[in-house]
Protein backbone atom coordinates (compact mmCIF):
# COMPACT_ATOMS: atom_id res chain seq x y z
CA MET A 1 -12.80 -149.59 -175.62
CA SER A 2 -9.22 -148.99 -176.58
CA ILE A 3 -6.19 -150.94 -174.76
CA ARG A 4 -4.58 -148.87 -172.52
CA MET A 5 -1.21 -147.19 -173.35
CA ARG A 6 2.22 -148.65 -172.35
CA HIS A 7 4.56 -146.59 -170.50
CA THR A 8 7.97 -147.05 -170.64
CA LYS A 9 10.22 -147.31 -167.49
CA GLY A 10 11.44 -143.47 -167.68
CA HIS A 11 8.20 -142.23 -168.01
CA ARG A 12 7.20 -144.23 -164.95
CA ASN A 13 10.34 -143.14 -163.09
CA GLU A 14 9.93 -139.44 -164.26
CA ARG A 15 6.54 -139.74 -162.53
CA ARG A 16 7.54 -140.86 -159.10
CA GLN A 17 10.63 -138.66 -159.09
CA HIS A 18 8.49 -136.40 -156.99
CA LEU A 19 7.92 -139.07 -154.56
CA LYS A 20 11.21 -138.91 -152.98
CA LEU A 21 11.40 -137.84 -149.03
CA LYS A 22 12.64 -134.50 -148.67
CA GLN A 23 15.71 -134.27 -145.97
CA VAL A 24 14.70 -132.76 -142.63
CA HIS A 25 17.23 -129.70 -141.78
CA ALA A 26 18.02 -130.28 -137.90
CA ALA A 27 19.38 -126.62 -136.47
CA LEU A 28 21.06 -127.04 -132.51
CA CYS A 29 19.03 -125.42 -129.45
CA PRO A 30 20.88 -122.40 -128.22
CA LYS A 31 20.44 -123.23 -124.83
CA CYS A 32 21.11 -127.24 -124.58
CA LYS A 33 22.99 -127.38 -127.90
CA SER A 34 20.44 -130.89 -128.98
CA PRO A 35 19.45 -131.21 -132.37
CA VAL A 36 15.83 -129.38 -132.76
CA GLN A 37 13.72 -128.74 -136.08
CA PRO A 38 13.51 -125.11 -137.10
CA HIS A 39 10.23 -123.13 -136.23
CA ILE A 40 9.94 -125.94 -133.07
CA LEU A 41 10.43 -125.79 -129.62
CA CYS A 42 13.14 -127.75 -128.22
CA GLY A 43 11.81 -130.94 -126.45
CA ASN A 44 14.96 -131.28 -124.35
CA CYS A 45 14.91 -127.63 -122.53
CA GLY A 46 11.67 -126.50 -123.14
CA THR A 47 12.77 -123.28 -125.00
CA TYR A 48 12.10 -121.43 -128.12
CA ARG A 49 14.13 -118.85 -129.62
CA GLY A 50 15.96 -118.39 -126.27
CA ARG A 51 12.76 -117.86 -124.20
CA GLN A 52 11.39 -120.88 -121.82
CA MET A 53 7.81 -121.86 -123.62
CA ILE A 54 6.97 -124.96 -121.47
CA ASP A 55 7.78 -126.66 -118.12
CA VAL A 56 9.73 -129.87 -119.23
CA LEU A 57 10.02 -130.57 -115.32
CA ALA A 58 6.39 -130.22 -114.54
CA LYS A 59 5.37 -133.74 -115.23
CA LEU A 60 8.52 -135.60 -114.08
CA THR A 61 8.96 -137.51 -110.49
CA LYS A 62 11.31 -135.96 -107.88
CA LYS A 63 13.82 -138.51 -108.89
CA GLU A 64 13.68 -137.59 -112.39
CA ARG A 65 13.19 -134.06 -112.38
CA LYS A 66 16.42 -133.85 -109.73
CA GLN A 67 18.30 -135.81 -112.73
CA LYS A 68 17.04 -133.76 -115.62
CA GLU A 69 18.22 -130.29 -113.62
CA LYS A 70 21.58 -132.25 -113.33
CA GLU A 71 21.82 -132.84 -117.04
CA LEU A 72 20.53 -129.45 -117.96
CA LYS A 73 23.01 -127.65 -115.51
CA ASP A 74 25.99 -129.96 -116.93
CA GLN A 75 24.83 -128.98 -120.47
CA GLU A 76 24.97 -125.00 -119.73
CA SER A 77 28.27 -125.16 -118.07
CA ASN A 78 29.66 -127.34 -120.95
CA ASP A 79 28.53 -124.65 -123.43
CA SER A 80 30.24 -121.62 -121.66
CA SER A 81 33.55 -123.29 -120.75
CA PRO A 82 35.94 -122.84 -124.22
C-alpha cells in the first residue's frame, strides 16, 4: 500500500470553503412589521401574504390574550400614523 498523499493548507481550505453558513435574509411582516423569513408565516401575528393563516391567540390564557391583542393593536396604529 502506498502512503497517503499530503495536502497543503490551501488545498484543505479550498475544500472547506463550501461548508460556510449562508446568511439568512429577513423580511418585514406587512401587518406587524416584525422580522420574518421569506415564504414563512409570521409567528407574531399569524399572517402570510396579508392573509390570516393561524390564530395565535387561541392557545393563550385570557390575560396573555388581552396583552397580545393590545400589542398588535399598538403596532398597527403606529404603522398607520406617519
